[in-house]
Amino acid sequence: MSDERIERDFSARAEEEQQAFLEQTWCDECQEVNLGMKNPSEYLLKGIVFIEGECNRCGLVVLTELTEDDF
């Protein structure tokens, strides 16, 4: 597996799916669920798909790791 980050197109996902990923979040800093994220980017790293953005409340990185159930 490659250690190289491969960018993917988050906007290619269905609108409903995008909204779910943008709204259903966990922020380690705020210690709260579903604060939402902005500026999402999607990428593949070591065979795992991630969606990364900024917490709507504090602005720090929010990271979602997709599992097989998310596909």
C-alpha atoms as a PDB file:
ATOM      1  CA  MET A   1       0.000   0.000   0.000  1.00  0.00           C
ATOM      2  CA  SER A   2       1.135   3.476  -0.817  1.00  0.00           C
ATOM      3  CA  ASP A   3       1.941   6.034   1.863  1.00  0.00           C
ATOM      4  CA  GLU A   4       1.074   8.705  -0.666  1.00  0.00           C
ATOM      5  CA  ARG A   5      -2.097  10.746  -0.165  1.00  0.00           C
ATOM      6  CA  ILE A   6      -4.315  10.478  -3.251  1.00  0.00           C
ATOM      7  CA  GLU A   7      -6.891  13.260  -3.600  1.00  0.00           C
ATOM      8  CA  ARG A   8     -10.485  12.282  -4.395  1.00  0.00           C
ATOM      9  CA  ASP A   9     -13.476  14.380  -5.474  1.00  0.00           C
ATOM     10  CA  PHE A  10     -15.814  14.854  -2.496  1.00  0.00           C
ATOM     11  CA  SER A  11     -18.262  16.761  -4.714  1.00  0.00           C
ATOM     12  CA  ALA A  12     -18.717  13.629  -6.871  1.00  0.00           C
ATOM     13  CA  ARG A  13     -20.713  12.072  -4.021  1.00  0.00           C
ATOM     14  CA  ALA A  14     -24.512  12.306  -3.988  1.00  0.00           C
ATOM     15  CA  GLU A  15     -25.796  15.509  -2.359  1.00  0.00           C
ATOM     16  CA  GLU A  16     -27.484  13.592   0.494  1.00  0.00           C
ATOM     17  CA  GLU A  17     -24.277  11.682   1.185  1.00  0.00           C
ATOM     18  CA  GLN A  18     -22.234  14.898   1.226  1.00  0.00           C
ATOM     19  CA  GLN A  19     -24.651  16.483   3.695  1.00  0.00           C
ATOM     20  CA  ALA A  20     -24.474  13.466   6.004  1.00  0.00           C
ATOM     21  CA  PHE A  21     -20.661  13.606   6.100  1.00  0.00           C
ATOM     22  CA  LEU A  22     -20.708  17.384   6.628  1.00  0.00           C
ATOM     23  CA  GLU A  23     -23.227  17.233   9.486  1.00  0.00           C
ATOM     24  CA  GLN A  24     -22.444  13.963  11.306  1.00  0.00           C
ATOM     25  CA  THR A  25     -19.055  14.779  12.803  1.00  0.00           C
ATOM     26  CA  TRP A  26     -17.046  14.454  15.990  1.00  0.00           C
ATOM     27  CA  CYS A  27     -14.693  17.224  17.101  1.00  0.00           C
ATOM     28  CA  ASP A  28     -11.852  16.141  19.401  1.00  0.00           C
ATOM     29  CA  GLU A  29     -11.336  19.727  20.573  1.00  0.00           C
ATOM     30  CA  CYS A  30     -14.986  20.564  21.341  1.00  0.00           C
ATOM     31  CA  GLN A  31     -15.717  16.979  22.498  1.00  0.00           C
ATOM     32  CA  GLU A  32     -19.135  17.137  20.824  1.00  0.00           C
ATOM     33  CA  VAL A  33     -20.916  15.364  18.014  1.00  0.00           C
ATOM     34  CA  ASN A  34     -22.579  16.814  14.948  1.00  0.00           C
ATOM     35  CA  LEU A  35     -21.168  20.340  15.081  1.00  0.00           C
ATOM     36  CA  GLY A  36     -20.549  19.963  11.365  1.00  0.00           C
ATOM     37  CA  MET A  37     -17.546  20.664   9.156  1.00  0.00           C
ATOM     38  CA  LYS A  38     -16.670  23.098   6.388  1.00  0.00           C
ATOM     39  CA  ASN A  39     -14.087  23.023   3.576  1.00  0.00           C
ATOM     40  CA  PRO A  40     -14.191  19.231   3.133  1.00  0.00           C
ATOM     41  CA  SER A  41     -11.518  17.362   1.220  1.00  0.00           C
ATOM     42  CA  GLU A  42     -11.523  13.661   0.484  1.00  0.00           C
ATOM     43  CA  TYR A  43      -8.464  11.493   0.018  1.00  0.00           C
ATOM     44  CA  LEU A  44      -7.174   7.945   0.026  1.00  0.00           C
ATOM     45  CA  LEU A  45      -4.232   7.103   2.307  1.00  0.00           C
ATOM     46  CA  LYS A  46      -2.881   3.597   2.924  1.00  0.00           C
ATOM     47  CA  GLY A  47      -6.029   2.080   1.436  1.00  0.00           C
ATOM     48  CA  ILE A  48      -8.365   4.081   3.705  1.00  0.00           C
ATOM     49  CA  VAL A  49     -10.688   6.863   2.519  1.00  0.00           C
ATOM     50  CA  PHE A  50     -10.791   9.987   4.705  1.00  0.00           C
ATOM     51  CA  ILE A  51     -12.936  13.110   4.642  1.00  0.00           C
ATOM     52  CA  GLU A  52     -11.239  16.006   6.387  1.00  0.00           C
ATOM     53  CA  GLY A  53     -12.577  19.467   7.121  1.00  0.00           C
ATOM     54  CA  GLU A  54     -12.752  22.194   9.743  1.00  0.00           C
ATOM     55  CA  CYS A  55     -15.072  22.140  12.758  1.00  0.00           C
ATOM     56  CA  ASN A  56     -17.867  24.689  12.334  1.00  0.00           C
ATOM     57  CA  ARG A  57     -17.412  25.792  15.956  1.00  0.00           C
ATOM     58  CA  CYS A  58     -13.664  25.896  16.689  1.00  0.00           C
ATOM     59  CA  GLY A  59     -12.129  25.630  13.193  1.00  0.00           C
ATOM     60  CA  LEU A  60      -9.733  22.772  14.026  1.00  0.00           C
ATOM     61  CA  VAL A  61      -9.408  19.675  11.854  1.00  0.00           C
ATOM     62  CA  VAL A  62     -12.277  17.177  11.874  1.00  0.00           C
ATOM     63  CA  LEU A  63     -11.439  13.818  10.318  1.00  0.00           C
ATOM     64  CA  THR A  64     -13.839  11.077   9.239  1.00  0.00           C
ATOM     65  CA  GLU A  65     -12.448   7.658   8.338  1.00  0.00           C
ATOM     66  CA  LEU A  66     -14.775   5.748   6.043  1.00  0.00           C
ATOM     67  CA  THR A  67     -15.393   2.090   6.735  1.00  0.00           C
ATOM     68  CA  GLU A  68     -16.769  -0.540   4.362  1.00  0.00           C
ATOM     69  CA  ASP A  69     -20.265   0.288   5.706  1.00  0.00           C
ATOM     70  CA  ASP A  70     -19.961   3.841   4.340  1.00  0.00           C
ATOM     71  CA  PHE A  71     -19.501   2.709   0.716  1.00  0.00           C
END
